[in-house]
Protein backbone atom coordinates (compact mmCIF):
# COMPACT_ATOMS: atom_id res chain seq x y z
CA MET A 1 1.34 -15.53 24.38
CA PRO A 2 1.50 -14.54 20.51
CA ALA A 3 2.37 -17.01 18.03
CA ASP A 4 5.32 -14.98 17.18
CA ALA A 5 6.73 -12.89 20.00
CA ALA A 6 8.47 -10.21 17.46
CA ALA A 7 5.03 -9.45 15.72
CA GLY A 8 4.26 -6.50 17.88
CA GLU A 9 7.91 -5.04 17.54
CA GLU A 10 7.88 -5.53 13.73
CA PHE A 11 4.17 -4.51 13.20
CA TYR A 12 4.82 -1.61 11.05
CA VAL A 13 7.70 -3.33 8.82
CA ARG A 14 5.23 -6.22 8.65
CA THR A 15 2.15 -4.43 7.92
CA TRP A 16 3.39 -1.72 5.52
CA ALA A 17 7.05 -2.52 4.15
CA GLU A 18 7.35 -6.13 3.48
CA PRO A 19 5.96 -8.16 0.50
CA SER A 20 2.32 -9.18 0.90
CA VAL A 21 -0.54 -10.60 -0.98
CA ASP A 22 -4.04 -8.94 -0.27
CA VAL A 23 -7.57 -10.17 -1.07
CA HIS A 24 -9.69 -7.25 -1.86
CA GLY A 25 -12.90 -9.12 -2.63
CA ILE A 26 -14.48 -12.28 -3.21
CA GLN A 27 -17.61 -13.08 -4.97
CA GLY A 28 -19.40 -16.40 -5.63
CA GLY A 29 -22.83 -18.07 -5.20
CA SER A 30 -26.08 -16.17 -4.62
CA PRO A 31 -26.88 -14.10 -1.54
CA VAL A 32 -30.66 -14.57 -2.28
CA LEU A 33 -30.97 -18.18 -2.88
CA GLN A 34 -32.39 -20.25 -0.17
CA LYS A 35 -30.75 -23.62 -0.82
CA THR A 36 -27.79 -25.39 0.39
CA VAL A 37 -25.69 -25.47 -2.67
CA ILE A 38 -22.05 -25.14 -3.75
CA ALA A 39 -21.29 -22.10 -5.84
CA VAL A 40 -20.42 -23.06 -9.57
CA ALA A 41 -18.13 -20.07 -9.93
CA ALA A 42 -16.14 -17.70 -7.73
CA GLU A 43 -14.10 -14.66 -8.45
CA ALA A 44 -11.42 -12.80 -6.41
CA ASN A 45 -9.53 -9.64 -6.65
CA VAL A 46 -5.98 -9.80 -5.16
CA SER A 47 -2.89 -7.59 -5.23
CA ILE A 48 0.74 -8.40 -4.31
CA ARG A 49 3.04 -5.70 -2.86
CA LEU A 50 6.47 -6.13 -4.21
CA VAL A 51 9.55 -4.99 -2.46
CA GLY A 52 13.39 -4.62 -3.24
CA ASP A 53 14.58 -6.46 -6.41
CA GLN A 54 11.23 -8.38 -6.77
CA ASN A 55 10.12 -8.30 -10.50
CA PRO A 56 6.35 -8.48 -11.41
CA THR A 57 7.06 -10.49 -14.51
CA VAL A 58 8.50 -13.13 -12.24
CA ILE A 59 6.16 -12.97 -9.27
CA ALA A 60 2.86 -12.97 -11.26
CA PRO A 61 3.59 -16.42 -12.85
CA ALA A 62 4.90 -17.80 -9.49
CA PHE A 63 1.71 -16.60 -7.85
CA GLU A 64 -0.44 -18.16 -10.55
CA ALA A 65 1.46 -21.53 -10.38
CA LEU A 66 0.95 -21.46 -6.56
CA LEU A 67 -3.00 -21.04 -7.23
CA ARG A 68 -3.03 -23.77 -9.75
CA ASP A 69 -1.12 -26.14 -7.64
CA ALA A 70 -3.66 -25.40 -4.80
CA ALA A 71 -6.75 -25.85 -6.87
CA PRO A 72 -8.65 -28.99 -6.48
CA ALA A 73 -8.58 -31.47 -9.34
CA GLY A 74 -11.09 -30.69 -12.21
CA THR A 75 -10.97 -26.88 -11.26
CA GLU A 76 -10.88 -24.36 -14.06
CA LEU A 77 -8.90 -21.28 -13.19
CA GLU A 78 -8.55 -18.26 -15.07
CA VAL A 79 -6.03 -15.66 -13.91
CA THR A 80 -6.18 -11.99 -15.35
CA LEU A 81 -3.18 -9.60 -14.75
CA LEU A 82 -4.93 -6.16 -14.51
CA SER A 83 -1.82 -4.18 -13.91
CA SER A 84 1.59 -4.35 -12.54
CA ALA A 85 4.63 -2.22 -11.69
CA PRO A 86 8.06 -2.80 -10.25
CA PRO A 87 8.68 -1.82 -6.71
CA GLY A 88 10.28 1.52 -5.91
CA LEU A 89 12.03 2.83 -2.91
CA ILE A 90 12.67 6.53 -2.03
CA PRO A 91 15.70 6.99 0.26
CA SER A 92 14.59 8.53 3.61
CA ASP A 93 17.37 10.97 3.44
CA ALA A 94 16.48 12.28 -0.20
CA VAL A 95 16.52 16.09 -0.10
CA ALA A 96 12.82 16.08 -0.98
CA VAL A 97 11.84 13.71 1.79
CA VAL A 98 13.70 15.88 4.31
CA ARG A 99 12.17 19.02 3.15
CA GLY A 100 8.91 17.55 3.55
CA LEU A 101 9.67 16.58 7.10
CA ASP A 102 10.67 20.09 7.77
CA ALA A 103 7.52 21.57 6.26
CA PHE A 104 5.27 19.27 8.35
CA GLU A 105 7.27 20.07 11.46
CA GLU A 106 7.05 23.72 10.83
CA VAL A 107 3.17 23.51 10.75
CA LEU A 108 2.73 20.89 13.36
CA GLY A 109 5.43 21.65 15.73
CA VAL A 110 6.41 18.02 15.70
CA ARG A 111 8.74 16.28 13.08
CA PRO A 112 6.63 13.48 11.33
CA LEU A 113 7.50 9.71 11.87
CA LEU A 114 8.65 8.18 8.55
CA ILE A 115 6.97 4.77 8.06
CA ARG A 116 8.18 2.75 5.14
CA SER A 117 5.09 1.75 3.23
CA GLY A 118 4.30 -0.15 0.00
CA GLY A 119 1.67 0.98 -2.39
CA ALA A 120 0.60 0.54 -6.05
CA ILE A 121 1.51 3.70 -7.84
CA PRO A 122 3.57 2.94 -10.93
CA LEU A 123 4.70 6.62 -11.51
CA VAL A 124 6.51 6.39 -7.98
CA SER A 125 8.51 3.34 -8.95
CA ALA A 126 9.11 4.89 -12.42
CA LEU A 127 10.64 8.29 -10.97
CA ALA A 128 12.47 6.26 -8.11
CA SER A 129 14.28 4.06 -10.77
CA ARG A 130 15.41 7.41 -12.30
CA GLY A 131 16.57 8.70 -8.94
CA VAL A 132 13.81 11.18 -8.44
CA ALA A 133 12.50 11.37 -5.01
CA THR A 134 8.69 11.40 -4.58
CA VAL A 135 7.08 12.66 -1.43
CA LEU A 136 3.68 10.68 -0.61
CA THR A 137 1.99 11.73 2.29
CA GLY A 138 -1.48 11.72 3.94
CA PHE A 139 -2.63 13.90 6.66
CA SER A 140 -4.36 11.99 9.51
CA LEU A 141 -3.91 10.53 12.93
CA ASN A 142 -4.61 6.95 14.10
CA GLU A 143 -8.36 7.64 14.85
CA SER A 144 -8.78 8.45 11.06
CA ASN A 145 -8.64 4.47 10.52
CA ILE A 146 -6.83 4.88 7.20
CA HIS A 147 -8.00 2.20 4.72
CA SER A 148 -10.55 0.85 6.99
CA PRO A 149 -14.43 0.57 6.50
CA ASN A 150 -14.92 3.61 8.69
CA GLU A 151 -11.86 5.77 7.24
CA ARG A 152 -12.57 9.37 7.95
CA ILE A 153 -10.67 12.69 8.53
CA PRO A 154 -11.97 15.27 11.06
CA THR A 155 -12.63 18.63 9.53
CA ALA A 156 -10.40 20.17 11.95
CA TYR A 157 -7.43 18.62 10.10
CA LEU A 158 -8.47 20.27 6.74
CA PRO A 159 -6.91 23.74 7.62
CA LEU A 160 -3.67 22.05 8.94
CA GLY A 161 -3.54 19.92 5.91
CA ILE A 162 -3.80 22.96 3.67
CA GLU A 163 -1.11 24.90 5.52
CA ALA A 164 1.28 21.82 5.60
CA ALA A 165 0.82 21.32 1.63
CA ALA A 166 1.68 25.14 1.14
CA ALA A 167 4.70 24.95 3.53
CA LEU A 168 5.82 21.65 1.57
CA TYR A 169 5.66 23.76 -1.70
CA ARG A 170 7.66 26.60 -0.15
CA HIS A 171 10.43 24.14 1.24
CA LEU A 172 10.60 22.37 -2.36
CA ALA A 173 10.80 25.57 -4.31
CA ASP A 174 14.51 25.71 -4.39
CA VAL A 175 15.31 21.95 -4.73
CA GLY A 176 17.04 21.26 -8.01
């Protein structure tokens, strides 16, 4: 029995659309020393996906405070904010999004499934805050293993991707 029975049903929302903290890398110690020692220093790279009305100028210091509260006594902690952007949300019924769905359906013969997802593209949130709908899309299926260590795109998808991009531009040509 899963720890949370709703986990499967809410998989896409939890994985792609809710706030999250992701650890992208951890470095510490030495991979070549043959001694049982505790690393004197460690470094991590993390990102936080914001949604809704979350504000990076509020969330970043709150996250740092959580890290400081959890650090053992005597620990020196240095936090560097590399970049930030507010969240943005493009309505699924925006004309540009609907035209994008139409274009992909024209080429593939099936209407794509919209999956709400978060990302770190400051231009998208800047445009969204001004009411400018942005179409962000990839061209892959589940076996492409997007963002995994073995991410790939079969060469058979390339002509379809090019055709879909051309159809998208045709469908967007008269959006004003």
